[in-house]
Amino acid sequence: MRRSSLSLRNLRVDDRTYKLADVVPANTRMTNRLKALGYTEARPLDKNFSSRNIRGHEFHYSLTECDRDARFAYEMIRGKGIQDGFDGLIEHNTLAGYMHSHPASFPVDKFVGKCREYKRR
């Protein structure tokens, strides 16, 4: 079985459905064909997250269907993302996506600072 990088409600592989953690509002199904492979670049939709584009890569054999009210962190400039050119599902204090960001382009210090702020609440 191939793995999905998202913690979803259900994972469908062939004719079987597996219950997952239900962390983000989406379901996914595995495919026999590669759905995305390559370098990515994404524009953060919230400037509090990052003020610059984030680069990375994606590699997956799955398709994900999100709820209508799903919130995304990025708009994809290059790459496919999760759905309709968007990636990085946000649900409560969770960020889940197909894009694996490269540390040199990702504001790690700012991200860790935001995590610390959230912890103090």
PDB file of N, CA and C in Angstrom:
ATOM      1  N   MET A   1       0.837  -1.173   0.000  1.00  0.00           N
ATOM      2  CA  MET A   1       0.000   0.000   0.000  1.00  0.00           C
ATOM      3  C   MET A   1       0.883   1.237   0.000  1.00  0.00           C
ATOM      4  N   ARG A   2       0.546   2.220  -0.835  1.00  0.00           N
ATOM      5  CA  ARG A   2       1.257   3.492  -0.848  1.00  0.00           C
ATOM      6  C   ARG A   2       0.707   4.361   0.265  1.00  0.00           C
ATOM      7  N   ARG A   3       1.527   5.274   0.774  1.00  0.00           N
ATOM      8  CA  ARG A   3       1.115   6.117   1.890  1.00  0.00           C
ATOM      9  C   ARG A   3       0.698   7.491   1.414  1.00  0.00           C
ATOM     10  N   SER A   4      -0.227   8.084   2.116  1.00  0.00           N
ATOM     11  CA  SER A   4      -0.623   9.461   1.894  1.00  0.00           C
ATOM     12  C   SER A   4       0.059  10.320   2.949  1.00  0.00           C
ATOM     13  N   SER A   5       0.408  11.564   2.605  1.00  0.00           N
ATOM     14  CA  SER A   5       1.066  12.432   3.572  1.00  0.00           C
ATOM     15  C   SER A   5       0.074  13.274   4.370  1.00  0.00           C
ATOM     16  N   LEU A   6      -1.216  13.049   4.188  1.00  0.00           N
ATOM     17  CA  LEU A   6      -2.225  13.815   4.903  1.00  0.00           C
ATOM     18  C   LEU A   6      -2.946  12.947   5.921  1.00  0.00           C
ATOM     19  N   SER A   7      -3.285  13.505   7.079  1.00  0.00           N
ATOM     20  CA  SER A   7      -4.066  12.789   8.086  1.00  0.00           C
ATOM     21  C   SER A   7      -5.537  13.084   7.848  1.00  0.00           C
ATOM     22  N   LEU A   8      -6.194  12.232   7.133  1.00  0.00           N
ATOM     23  CA  LEU A   8      -7.547  12.471   6.669  1.00  0.00           C
ATOM     24  C   LEU A   8      -8.570  11.647   7.427  1.00  0.00           C
ATOM     25  N   ARG A   9      -9.815  11.738   6.974  1.00  0.00           N
ATOM     26  CA  ARG A   9     -10.881  10.924   7.552  1.00  0.00           C
ATOM     27  C   ARG A   9     -10.769   9.482   7.098  1.00  0.00           C
ATOM     28  N   ASN A  10     -10.684   9.301   5.778  1.00  0.00           N
ATOM     29  CA  ASN A  10     -10.640   7.965   5.203  1.00  0.00           C
ATOM     30  C   ASN A  10      -9.592   7.887   4.108  1.00  0.00           C
ATOM     31  N   LEU A  11      -9.036   6.713   3.943  1.00  0.00           N
ATOM     32  CA  LEU A  11      -8.091   6.444   2.865  1.00  0.00           C
ATOM     33  C   LEU A  11      -8.631   5.260   2.085  1.00  0.00           C
ATOM     34  N   ARG A  12      -8.829   5.460   0.799  1.00  0.00           N
ATOM     35  CA  ARG A  12      -9.349   4.390  -0.047  1.00  0.00           C
ATOM     36  C   ARG A  12      -8.205   3.828  -0.878  1.00  0.00           C
ATOM     37  N   VAL A  13      -7.993   2.505  -0.760  1.00  0.00           N
ATOM     38  CA  VAL A  13      -6.972   1.794  -1.514  1.00  0.00           C
ATOM     39  C   VAL A  13      -7.671   0.628  -2.188  1.00  0.00           C
ATOM     40  N   ASP A  14      -7.660   0.634  -3.511  1.00  0.00           N
ATOM     41  CA  ASP A  14      -8.383  -0.367  -4.291  1.00  0.00           C
ATOM     42  C   ASP A  14      -9.842  -0.390  -3.845  1.00  0.00           C
ATOM     43  N   ASP A  15     -10.340  -1.513  -3.370  1.00  0.00           N
ATOM     44  CA  ASP A  15     -11.747  -1.623  -2.968  1.00  0.00           C
ATOM     45  C   ASP A  15     -11.951  -1.531  -1.465  1.00  0.00           C
ATOM     46  N   ARG A  16     -10.926  -1.116  -0.724  1.00  0.00           N
ATOM     47  CA  ARG A  16     -11.031  -1.052   0.730  1.00  0.00           C
ATOM     48  C   ARG A  16     -10.907   0.389   1.209  1.00  0.00           C
ATOM     49  N   THR A  17     -11.652   0.706   2.242  1.00  0.00           N
ATOM     50  CA  THR A  17     -11.586   2.024   2.861  1.00  0.00           C
ATOM     51  C   THR A  17     -11.101   1.860   4.291  1.00  0.00           C
ATOM     52  N   TYR A  18     -10.099   2.664   4.658  1.00  0.00           N
ATOM     53  CA  TYR A  18      -9.513   2.611   5.988  1.00  0.00           C
ATOM     54  C   TYR A  18      -9.839   3.905   6.723  1.00  0.00           C
ATOM     55  N   LYS A  19     -10.302   3.800   7.953  1.00  0.00           N
ATOM     56  CA  LYS A  19     -10.595   4.958   8.794  1.00  0.00           C
ATOM     57  C   LYS A  19      -9.263   5.543   9.270  1.00  0.00           C
ATOM     58  N   LEU A  20      -9.137   6.872   9.174  1.00  0.00           N
ATOM     59  CA  LEU A  20      -7.912   7.547   9.600  1.00  0.00           C
ATOM     60  C   LEU A  20      -8.196   8.487  10.769  1.00  0.00           C
ATOM     61  N   ALA A  21      -7.262   9.331  11.092  1.00  0.00           N
ATOM     62  CA  ALA A  21      -7.318  10.168  12.298  1.00  0.00           C
ATOM     63  C   ALA A  21      -8.382  11.259  12.266  1.00  0.00           C
ATOM     64  N   ASP A  22      -8.886  11.623  11.103  1.00  0.00           N
ATOM     65  CA  ASP A  22      -9.920  12.661  10.972  1.00  0.00           C
ATOM     66  C   ASP A  22      -9.426  14.007  11.498  1.00  0.00           C
ATOM     67  N   VAL A  23      -8.202  14.362  11.140  1.00  0.00           N
ATOM     68  CA  VAL A  23      -7.607  15.610  11.595  1.00  0.00           C
ATOM     69  C   VAL A  23      -7.980  16.771  10.681  1.00  0.00           C
ATOM     70  N   VAL A  24      -8.003  16.556   9.375  1.00  0.00           N
ATOM     71  CA  VAL A  24      -8.350  17.607   8.418  1.00  0.00           C
ATOM     72  C   VAL A  24      -9.613  17.218   7.659  1.00  0.00           C
ATOM     73  N   PRO A  25     -10.368  18.208   7.170  1.00  0.00           N
ATOM     74  CA  PRO A  25     -11.655  17.947   6.520  1.00  0.00           C
ATOM     75  C   PRO A  25     -11.496  17.474   5.071  1.00  0.00           C
ATOM     76  N   ALA A  26     -11.055  16.247   4.901  1.00  0.00           N
ATOM     77  CA  ALA A  26     -10.827  15.734   3.551  1.00  0.00           C
ATOM     78  C   ALA A  26     -10.762  14.208   3.556  1.00  0.00           C
ATOM     79  N   ASN A  27     -10.922  13.635   2.387  1.00  0.00           N
ATOM     80  CA  ASN A  27     -10.751  12.202   2.160  1.00  0.00           C
ATOM     81  C   ASN A  27      -9.799  12.030   0.997  1.00  0.00           C
ATOM     82  N   THR A  28      -9.115  10.918   0.958  1.00  0.00           N
ATOM     83  CA  THR A  28      -8.191  10.673  -0.143  1.00  0.00           C
ATOM     84  C   THR A  28      -8.328   9.252  -0.643  1.00  0.00           C
ATOM     85  N   ARG A  29      -7.895   9.060  -1.870  1.00  0.00           N
ATOM     86  CA  ARG A  29      -7.859   7.706  -2.427  1.00  0.00           C
ATOM     87  C   ARG A  29      -6.554   7.547  -3.192  1.00  0.00           C
ATOM     88  N   MET A  30      -5.990   6.365  -3.064  1.00  0.00           N
ATOM     89  CA  MET A  30      -4.744   6.047  -3.743  1.00  0.00           C
ATOM     90  C   MET A  30      -5.046   5.701  -5.199  1.00  0.00           C
ATOM     91  N   THR A  31      -4.109   6.021  -6.065  1.00  0.00           N
ATOM     92  CA  THR A  31      -4.243   5.706  -7.483  1.00  0.00           C
ATOM     93  C   THR A  31      -3.052   4.849  -7.910  1.00  0.00           C
ATOM     94  N   ASN A  32      -3.166   4.257  -9.072  1.00  0.00           N
ATOM     95  CA  ASN A  32      -2.060   3.458  -9.609  1.00  0.00           C
ATOM     96  C   ASN A  32      -1.072   4.305 -10.396  1.00  0.00           C
ATOM     97  N   ARG A  33      -1.406   5.561 -10.589  1.00  0.00           N
ATOM     98  CA  ARG A  33      -0.550   6.460 -11.370  1.00  0.00           C
ATOM     99  C   ARG A  33      -0.070   7.625 -10.530  1.00  0.00           C
ATOM    100  N   LEU A  34       1.110   8.065 -10.859  1.00  0.00           N
ATOM    101  CA  LEU A  34       1.689   9.227 -10.208  1.00  0.00           C
ATOM    102  C   LEU A  34       0.831  10.453 -10.525  1.00  0.00           C
ATOM    103  N   LYS A  35       0.420  11.176  -9.497  1.00  0.00           N
ATOM    104  CA  LYS A  35      -0.428  12.354  -9.678  1.00  0.00           C
ATOM    105  C   LYS A  35       0.358  13.653  -9.626  1.00  0.00           C
ATOM    106  N   ALA A  36       1.497  13.644  -8.978  1.00  0.00           N
ATOM    107  CA  ALA A  36       2.326  14.849  -8.929  1.00  0.00           C
ATOM    108  C   ALA A  36       3.759  14.463  -8.606  1.00  0.00           C
ATOM    109  N   LEU A  37       4.676  15.073  -9.321  1.00  0.00           N
ATOM    110  CA  LEU A  37       6.101  14.865  -9.089  1.00  0.00           C
ATOM    111  C   LEU A  37       6.814  16.104  -9.578  1.00  0.00           C
ATOM    112  N   GLY A  38       7.553  16.744  -8.709  1.00  0.00           N
ATOM    113  CA  GLY A  38       8.349  17.868  -9.163  1.00  0.00           C
ATOM    114  C   GLY A  38       8.505  18.951  -8.123  1.00  0.00           C
ATOM    115  N   TYR A  39       9.185  19.993  -8.566  1.00  0.00           N
ATOM    116  CA  TYR A  39       9.425  21.143  -7.706  1.00  0.00           C
ATOM    117  C   TYR A  39       8.164  21.977  -7.585  1.00  0.00           C
ATOM    118  N   THR A  40       8.041  22.656  -6.455  1.00  0.00           N
ATOM    119  CA  THR A  40       6.865  23.480  -6.197  1.00  0.00           C
ATOM    120  C   THR A  40       7.285  24.882  -5.772  1.00  0.00           C
ATOM    121  N   GLU A  41       6.367  25.799  -5.973  1.00  0.00           N
ATOM    122  CA  GLU A  41       6.492  27.141  -5.422  1.00  0.00           C
ATOM    123  C   GLU A  41       5.092  27.582  -5.063  1.00  0.00           C
ATOM    124  N   ALA A  42       4.942  28.119  -3.867  1.00  0.00           N
ATOM    125  CA  ALA A  42       3.620  28.492  -3.383  1.00  0.00           C
ATOM    126  C   ALA A  42       3.645  29.879  -2.762  1.00  0.00           C
ATOM    127  N   ARG A  43       2.540  30.590  -2.960  1.00  0.00           N
ATOM    128  CA  ARG A  43       2.368  31.911  -2.360  1.00  0.00           C
ATOM    129  C   ARG A  43       1.502  31.755  -1.121  1.00  0.00           C
ATOM    130  N   PRO A  44       2.004  32.112   0.054  1.00  0.00           N
ATOM    131  CA  PRO A  44       1.191  32.025   1.273  1.00  0.00           C
ATOM    132  C   PRO A  44      -0.031  32.936   1.172  1.00  0.00           C
ATOM    133  N   LEU A  45      -1.180  32.442   1.577  1.00  0.00           N
ATOM    134  CA  LEU A  45      -2.412  33.223   1.529  1.00  0.00           C
ATOM    135  C   LEU A  45      -2.548  34.148   2.737  1.00  0.00           C
ATOM    136  N   ASP A  46      -1.799  33.883   3.786  1.00  0.00           N
ATOM    137  CA  ASP A  46      -1.812  34.705   4.996  1.00  0.00           C
ATOM    138  C   ASP A  46      -0.400  35.238   5.215  1.00  0.00           C
ATOM    139  N   LYS A  47      -0.234  36.542   5.144  1.00  0.00           N
ATOM    140  CA  LYS A  47       1.095  37.143   5.293  1.00  0.00           C
ATOM    141  C   LYS A  47       1.664  36.951   6.698  1.00  0.00           C
ATOM    142  N   ASN A  48       0.835  36.604   7.685  1.00  0.00           N
ATOM    143  CA  ASN A  48       1.357  36.284   9.014  1.00  0.00           C
ATOM    144  C   ASN A  48       2.154  34.992   8.982  1.00  0.00           C
ATOM    145  N   PHE A  49       1.845  34.145   8.035  1.00  0.00           N
ATOM    146  CA  PHE A  49       2.547  32.866   7.899  1.00  0.00           C
ATOM    147  C   PHE A  49       3.914  33.082   7.259  1.00  0.00           C
ATOM    148  N   SER A  50       3.923  33.798   6.153  1.00  0.00           N
ATOM    149  CA  SER A  50       5.175  34.121   5.466  1.00  0.00           C
ATOM    150  C   SER A  50       4.913  35.270   4.512  1.00  0.00           C
ATOM    151  N   SER A  51       5.894  36.121   4.343  1.00  0.00           N
ATOM    152  CA  SER A  51       5.743  37.243   3.420  1.00  0.00           C
ATOM    153  C   SER A  51       6.389  36.949   2.068  1.00  0.00           C
ATOM    154  N   ARG A  52       6.966  35.755   1.925  1.00  0.00           N
ATOM    155  CA  ARG A  52       7.601  35.408   0.655  1.00  0.00           C
ATOM    156  C   ARG A  52       7.139  34.032   0.200  1.00  0.00           C
ATOM    157  N   ASN A  53       7.355  33.759  -1.074  1.00  0.00           N
ATOM    158  CA  ASN A  53       6.976  32.468  -1.625  1.00  0.00           C
ATOM    159  C   ASN A  53       7.812  31.353  -1.009  1.00  0.00           C
ATOM    160  N   ILE A  54       7.217  30.181  -0.935  1.00  0.00           N
ATOM    161  CA  ILE A  54       7.872  29.015  -0.354  1.00  0.00           C
ATOM    162  C   ILE A  54       8.116  28.007  -1.467  1.00  0.00           C
ATOM    163  N   ARG A  55       9.312  27.454  -1.498  1.00  0.00           N
ATOM    164  CA  ARG A  55       9.666  26.456  -2.519  1.00  0.00           C
ATOM    165  C   ARG A  55       9.839  25.090  -1.871  1.00  0.00           C
ATOM    166  N   GLY A  56       9.638  24.056  -2.680  1.00  0.00           N
ATOM    167  CA  GLY A  56       9.799  22.697  -2.183  1.00  0.00           C
ATOM    168  C   GLY A  56       9.603  21.698  -3.304  1.00  0.00           C
ATOM    169  N   HIS A  57       9.024  20.548  -2.955  1.00  0.00           N
ATOM    170  CA  HIS A  57       8.714  19.531  -3.953  1.00  0.00           C
ATOM    171  C   HIS A  57       7.485  18.744  -3.500  1.00  0.00           C
ATOM    172  N   GLU A  58       6.888  18.023  -4.441  1.00  0.00           N
ATOM    173  CA  GLU A  58       5.766  17.142  -4.127  1.00  0.00           C
ATOM    174  C   GLU A  58       5.910  15.848  -4.917  1.00  0.00           C
ATOM    175  N   PHE A  59       5.384  14.783  -4.332  1.00  0.00           N
ATOM    176  CA  PHE A  59       5.457  13.453  -4.922  1.00  0.00           C
ATOM    177  C   PHE A  59       4.326  12.649  -4.310  1.00  0.00           C
ATOM    178  N   HIS A  60       3.305  12.314  -5.114  1.00  0.00           N
ATOM    179  CA  HIS A  60       2.217  11.523  -4.534  1.00  0.00           C
ATOM    180  C   HIS A  60       1.414  10.765  -5.585  1.00  0.00           C
ATOM    181  N   TYR A  61       0.814   9.688  -5.118  1.00  0.00           N
ATOM    182  CA  TYR A  61      -0.029   8.807  -5.914  1.00  0.00           C
ATOM    183  C   TYR A  61      -1.474   8.861  -5.435  1.00  0.00           C
ATOM    184  N   SER A  62      -1.904   9.953  -4.902  1.00  0.00           N
ATOM    185  CA  SER A  62      -3.258  10.016  -4.359  1.00  0.00           C
ATOM    186  C   SER A  62      -3.992  11.255  -4.843  1.00  0.00           C
ATOM    187  N   LEU A  63      -5.314  11.192  -4.729  1.00  0.00           N
ATOM    188  CA  LEU A  63      -6.197  12.325  -5.000  1.00  0.00           C
ATOM    189  C   LEU A  63      -6.947  12.631  -3.716  1.00  0.00           C
ATOM    190  N   THR A  64      -7.066  13.894  -3.390  1.00  0.00           N
ATOM    191  CA  THR A  64      -7.715  14.306  -2.153  1.00  0.00           C
ATOM    192  C   THR A  64      -8.904  15.196  -2.456  1.00  0.00           C
ATOM    193  N   GLU A  65     -10.011  14.905  -1.798  1.00  0.00           N
ATOM    194  CA  GLU A  65     -11.221  15.723  -1.917  1.00  0.00           C
ATOM    195  C   GLU A  65     -11.476  16.382  -0.571  1.00  0.00           C
ATOM    196  N   CYS A  66     -11.513  17.704  -0.579  1.00  0.00           N
ATOM    197  CA  CYS A  66     -11.683  18.477   0.649  1.00  0.00           C
ATOM    198  C   CYS A  66     -13.129  18.923   0.812  1.00  0.00           C
ATOM    199  N   ASP A  67     -13.518  19.188   2.047  1.00  0.00           N
ATOM    200  CA  ASP A  67     -14.822  19.782   2.301  1.00  0.00           C
ATOM    201  C   ASP A  67     -14.867  21.163   1.651  1.00  0.00           C
ATOM    202  N   ARG A  68     -16.064  21.638   1.382  1.00  0.00           N
ATOM    203  CA  ARG A  68     -16.221  22.954   0.729  1.00  0.00           C
ATOM    204  C   ARG A  68     -15.637  24.090   1.544  1.00  0.00           C
ATOM    205  N   ASP A  69     -15.687  23.971   2.857  1.00  0.00           N
ATOM    206  CA  ASP A  69     -15.199  25.056   3.708  1.00  0.00           C
ATOM    207  C   ASP A  69     -13.743  24.878   4.132  1.00  0.00           C
ATOM    208  N   ALA A  70     -13.016  24.004   3.454  1.00  0.00           N
ATOM    209  CA  ALA A  70     -11.608  23.773   3.786  1.00  0.00           C
ATOM    210  C   ALA A  70     -10.807  25.060   3.586  1.00  0.00           C
ATOM    211  N   ARG A  71      -9.884  25.329   4.512  1.00  0.00           N
ATOM    212  CA  ARG A  71      -9.002  26.495   4.427  1.00  0.00           C
ATOM    213  C   ARG A  71      -7.627  26.036   3.991  1.00  0.00           C
ATOM    214  N   PHE A  72      -7.038  26.783   3.061  1.00  0.00           N
ATOM    215  CA  PHE A  72      -5.714  26.450   2.546  1.00  0.00           C
ATOM    216  C   PHE A  72      -4.696  27.508   2.952  1.00  0.00           C
ATOM    217  N   ALA A  73      -3.447  27.088   3.088  1.00  0.00           N
ATOM    218  CA  ALA A  73      -2.361  27.995   3.468  1.00  0.00           C
ATOM    219  C   ALA A  73      -1.676  28.614   2.264  1.00  0.00           C
ATOM    220  N   TYR A  74      -1.670  27.899   1.123  1.00  0.00           N
ATOM    221  CA  TYR A  74      -0.909  28.350  -0.042  1.00  0.00           C
ATOM    222  C   TYR A  74      -1.706  28.275  -1.335  1.00  0.00           C
ATOM    223  N   GLU A  75      -1.366  29.183  -2.231  1.00  0.00           N
ATOM    224  CA  GLU A  75      -1.800  29.088  -3.628  1.00  0.00           C
ATOM    225  C   GLU A  75      -0.574  28.656  -4.424  1.00  0.00           C
ATOM    226  N   MET A  76      -0.712  27.594  -5.189  1.00  0.00           N
ATOM    227  CA  MET A  76       0.421  27.037  -5.923  1.00  0.00           C
ATOM    228  C   MET A  76       0.738  27.876  -7.155  1.00  0.00           C
ATOM    229  N   ILE A  77       1.983  28.284  -7.281  1.00  0.00           N
ATOM    230  CA  ILE A  77       2.467  28.956  -8.481  1.00  0.00           C
ATOM    231  C   ILE A  77       3.026  27.895  -9.415  1.00  0.00           C
ATOM    232  N   ARG A  78       3.703  26.915  -8.831  1.00  0.00           N
ATOM    233  CA  ARG A  78       4.256  25.777  -9.565  1.00  0.00           C
ATOM    234  C   ARG A  78       3.928  24.528  -8.756  1.00  0.00           C
ATOM    235  N   GLY A  79       3.407  23.509  -9.399  1.00  0.00           N
ATOM    236  CA  GLY A  79       3.002  22.291  -8.717  1.00  0.00           C
ATOM    237  C   GLY A  79       1.488  22.189  -8.657  1.00  0.00           C
ATOM    238  N   LYS A  80       1.010  21.046  -8.218  1.00  0.00           N
ATOM    239  CA  LYS A  80      -0.434  20.796  -8.211  1.00  0.00           C
ATOM    240  C   LYS A  80      -1.092  21.076  -6.872  1.00  0.00           C
ATOM    241  N   GLY A  81      -0.419  20.744  -5.778  1.00  0.00           N
ATOM    242  CA  GLY A  81      -1.039  20.920  -4.468  1.00  0.00           C
ATOM    243  C   GLY A  81      -2.129  19.901  -4.221  1.00  0.00           C
ATOM    244  N   ILE A  82      -3.009  20.217  -3.280  1.00  0.00           N
ATOM    245  CA  ILE A  82      -4.072  19.293  -2.883  1.00  0.00           C
ATOM    246  C   ILE A  82      -5.259  19.378  -3.823  1.00  0.00           C
ATOM    247  N   GLN A  83      -5.721  20.610  -4.071  1.00  0.00           N
ATOM    248  CA  GLN A  83      -6.963  20.756  -4.831  1.00  0.00           C
ATOM    249  C   GLN A  83      -7.016  22.119  -5.519  1.00  0.00           C
ATOM    250  N   ASP A  84      -7.325  22.119  -6.786  1.00  0.00           N
ATOM    251  CA  ASP A  84      -7.558  23.352  -7.553  1.00  0.00           C
ATOM    252  C   ASP A  84      -6.439  24.379  -7.420  1.00  0.00           C
ATOM    253  N   GLY A  85      -5.183  23.914  -7.344  1.00  0.00           N
ATOM    254  CA  GLY A  85      -4.051  24.821  -7.257  1.00  0.00           C
ATOM    255  C   GLY A  85      -3.788  25.371  -5.865  1.00  0.00           C
ATOM    256  N   PHE A  86      -4.341  24.735  -4.860  1.00  0.00           N
ATOM    257  CA  PHE A  86      -4.111  25.151  -3.473  1.00  0.00           C
ATOM    258  C   PHE A  86      -3.542  23.983  -2.684  1.00  0.00           C
ATOM    259  N   ASP A  87      -2.789  24.303  -1.625  1.00  0.00           N
ATOM    260  CA  ASP A  87      -2.171  23.274  -0.787  1.00  0.00           C
ATOM    261  C   ASP A  87      -2.105  23.790   0.644  1.00  0.00           C
ATOM    262  N   GLY A  88      -1.766  22.898   1.560  1.00  0.00           N
ATOM    263  CA  GLY A  88      -1.620  23.261   2.963  1.00  0.00           C
ATOM    264  C   GLY A  88      -2.957  23.445   3.650  1.00  0.00           C
ATOM    265  N   LEU A  89      -3.670  22.351   3.878  1.00  0.00           N
ATOM    266  CA  LEU A  89      -4.945  22.425   4.594  1.00  0.00           C
ATOM    267  C   LEU A  89      -4.704  22.881   6.026  1.00  0.00           C
ATOM    268  N   ILE A  90      -5.511  23.823   6.485  1.00  0.00           N
ATOM    269  CA  ILE A  90      -5.413  24.323   7.855  1.00  0.00           C
ATOM    270  C   ILE A  90      -6.674  23.899   8.594  1.00  0.00           C
ATOM    271  N   GLU A  91      -6.476  23.223   9.714  1.00  0.00           N
ATOM    272  CA  GLU A  91      -7.598  22.833  10.572  1.00  0.00           C
ATOM    273  C   GLU A  91      -7.121  22.951  12.015  1.00  0.00           C
ATOM    274  N   HIS A  92      -7.733  23.853  12.772  1.00  0.00           N
ATOM    275  CA  HIS A  92      -7.326  24.141  14.155  1.00  0.00           C
ATOM    276  C   HIS A  92      -5.826  24.468  14.167  1.00  0.00           C
ATOM    277  N   ASN A  93      -5.010  23.708  14.847  1.00  0.00           N
ATOM    278  CA  ASN A  93      -3.572  23.992  14.911  1.00  0.00           C
ATOM    279  C   ASN A  93      -2.766  23.036  14.039  1.00  0.00           C
ATOM    280  N   THR A  94      -3.389  22.525  12.970  1.00  0.00           N
ATOM    281  CA  THR A  94      -2.736  21.560  12.078  1.00  0.00           C
ATOM    282  C   THR A  94      -2.570  22.139  10.684  1.00  0.00           C
ATOM    283  N   LEU A  95      -1.410  21.898  10.087  1.00  0.00           N
ATOM    284  CA  LEU A  95      -1.134  22.245   8.700  1.00  0.00           C
ATOM    285  C   LEU A  95      -0.736  20.949   8.000  1.00  0.00           C
ATOM    286  N   ALA A  96      -1.502  20.546   6.983  1.00  0.00           N
ATOM    287  CA  ALA A  96      -1.235  19.290   6.274  1.00  0.00           C
ATOM    288  C   ALA A  96      -1.232  19.547   4.777  1.00  0.00           C
ATOM    289  N   GLY A  97      -0.195  19.070   4.094  1.00  0.00           N
ATOM    290  CA  GLY A  97      -0.131  19.309   2.662  1.00  0.00           C
ATOM    291  C   GLY A  97       0.746  18.317   1.945  1.00  0.00           C
ATOM    292  N   TYR A  98       0.660  18.364   0.625  1.00  0.00           N
ATOM    293  CA  TYR A  98       1.518  17.533  -0.211  1.00  0.00           C
ATOM    294  C   TYR A  98       2.905  18.156  -0.379  1.00  0.00           C
ATOM    295  N   MET A  99       2.977  19.475  -0.364  1.00  0.00           N
ATOM    296  CA  MET A  99       4.252  20.144  -0.589  1.00  0.00           C
ATOM    297  C   MET A  99       5.184  19.940   0.601  1.00  0.00           C
ATOM    298  N   HIS A 100       6.394  19.507   0.310  1.00  0.00           N
ATOM    299  CA  HIS A 100       7.452  19.426   1.311  1.00  0.00           C
ATOM    300  C   HIS A 100       8.327  20.650   1.100  1.00  0.00           C
ATOM    301  N   SER A 101       8.236  21.604   2.003  1.00  0.00           N
ATOM    302  CA  SER A 101       8.939  22.864   1.800  1.00  0.00           C
ATOM    303  C   SER A 101      10.434  22.711   2.059  1.00  0.00           C
ATOM    304  N   HIS A 102      11.206  23.457   1.290  1.00  0.00           N
ATOM    305  CA  HIS A 102      12.661  23.467   1.452  1.00  0.00           C
ATOM    306  C   HIS A 102      13.004  24.455   2.559  1.00  0.00           C
ATOM    307  N   PRO A 103      13.806  24.052   3.547  1.00  0.00           N
ATOM    308  CA  PRO A 103      14.102  24.925   4.688  1.00  0.00           C
ATOM    309  C   PRO A 103      14.708  26.274   4.311  1.00  0.00           C
ATOM    310  N   ALA A 104      15.430  26.346   3.209  1.00  0.00           N
ATOM    311  CA  ALA A 104      16.048  27.619   2.812  1.00  0.00           C
ATOM    312  C   ALA A 104      15.012  28.629   2.336  1.00  0.00           C
ATOM    313  N   SER A 105      13.830  28.157   1.910  1.00  0.00           N
ATOM    314  CA  SER A 105      12.819  29.093   1.422  1.00  0.00           C
ATOM    315  C   SER A 105      11.679  29.279   2.412  1.00  0.00           C
ATOM    316  N   PHE A 106      11.677  28.497   3.466  1.00  0.00           N
ATOM    317  CA  PHE A 106      10.600  28.520   4.444  1.00  0.00           C
ATOM    318  C   PHE A 106      11.047  29.301   5.672  1.00  0.00           C
ATOM    319  N   PRO A 107      10.243  30.227   6.167  1.00  0.00           N
ATOM    320  CA  PRO A 107      10.638  31.042   7.317  1.00  0.00           C
ATOM    321  C   PRO A 107      10.538  30.238   8.618  1.00  0.00           C
ATOM    322  N   VAL A 108      11.482  29.350   8.835  1.00  0.00           N
ATOM    323  CA  VAL A 108      11.442  28.430   9.972  1.00  0.00           C
ATOM    324  C   VAL A 108      11.371  29.184  11.301  1.00  0.00           C
ATOM    325  N   ASP A 109      12.173  30.226  11.473  1.00  0.00           N
ATOM    326  CA  ASP A 109      12.167  30.979  12.733  1.00  0.00           C
ATOM    327  C   ASP A 109      10.797  31.585  13.005  1.00  0.00           C
ATOM    328  N   LYS A 110      10.187  32.159  11.980  1.00  0.00           N
ATOM    329  CA  LYS A 110       8.864  32.760  12.143  1.00  0.00           C
ATOM    330  C   LYS A 110       7.828  31.689  12.469  1.00  0.00           C
ATOM    331  N   PHE A 111       7.915  30.543  11.807  1.00  0.00           N
ATOM    332  CA  PHE A 111       6.988  29.452  12.047  1.00  0.00           C
ATOM    333  C   PHE A 111       7.110  28.942  13.491  1.00  0.00           C
ATOM    334  N   VAL A 112       8.325  28.743  13.953  1.00  0.00           N
ATOM    335  CA  VAL A 112       8.548  28.278  15.329  1.00  0.00           C
ATOM    336  C   VAL A 112       8.044  29.334  16.323  1.00  0.00           C
ATOM    337  N   GLY A 113       8.271  30.596  16.021  1.00  0.00           N
ATOM    338  CA  GLY A 113       7.763  31.671  16.873  1.00  0.00           C
ATOM    339  C   GLY A 113       6.255  31.653  16.981  1.00  0.00           C
ATOM    340  N   LYS A 114       5.564  31.434  15.866  1.00  0.00           N
ATOM    341  CA  LYS A 114       4.094  31.337  15.874  1.00  0.00           C
ATOM    342  C   LYS A 114       3.639  30.131  16.682  1.00  0.00           C
ATOM    343  N   CYS A 115       4.379  29.027  16.599  1.00  0.00           N
ATOM    344  CA  CYS A 115       4.051  27.830  17.392  1.00  0.00           C
ATOM    345  C   CYS A 115       4.180  28.136  18.881  1.00  0.00           C
ATOM    346  N   ARG A 116       5.224  28.858  19.255  1.00  0.00           N
ATOM    347  CA  ARG A 116       5.411  29.227  20.662  1.00  0.00           C
ATOM    348  C   ARG A 116       4.296  30.150  21.155  1.00  0.00           C
ATOM    349  N   GLU A 117       3.909  31.105  20.297  1.00  0.00           N
ATOM    350  CA  GLU A 117       2.785  31.987  20.655  1.00  0.00           C
ATOM    351  C   GLU A 117       1.522  31.179  20.915  1.00  0.00           C
ATOM    352  N   TYR A 118       1.262  30.232  20.041  1.00  0.00           N
ATOM    353  CA  TYR A 118       0.059  29.417  20.173  1.00  0.00           C
ATOM    354  C   TYR A 118       0.109  28.591  21.464  1.00  0.00           C
ATOM    355  N   LYS A 119       1.285  28.069  21.789  1.00  0.00           N
ATOM    356  CA  LYS A 119       1.452  27.247  22.997  1.00  0.00           C
ATOM    357  C   LYS A 119       1.126  28.048  24.250  1.00  0.00           C
ATOM    358  N   ARG A 120       1.430  29.343  24.255  1.00  0.00           N
ATOM    359  CA  ARG A 120       1.206  30.183  25.428  1.00  0.00           C
ATOM    360  C   ARG A 120      -0.254  30.539  25.642  1.00  0.00           C
ATOM    361  N   ARG A 121      -1.116  30.283  24.694  1.00  0.00           N
ATOM    362  CA  ARG A 121      -2.546  30.635  24.835  1.00  0.00           C
ATOM    363  C   ARG A 121      -3.206  29.852  25.926  1.00  0.00           C
TER     364      ARG A 121
END
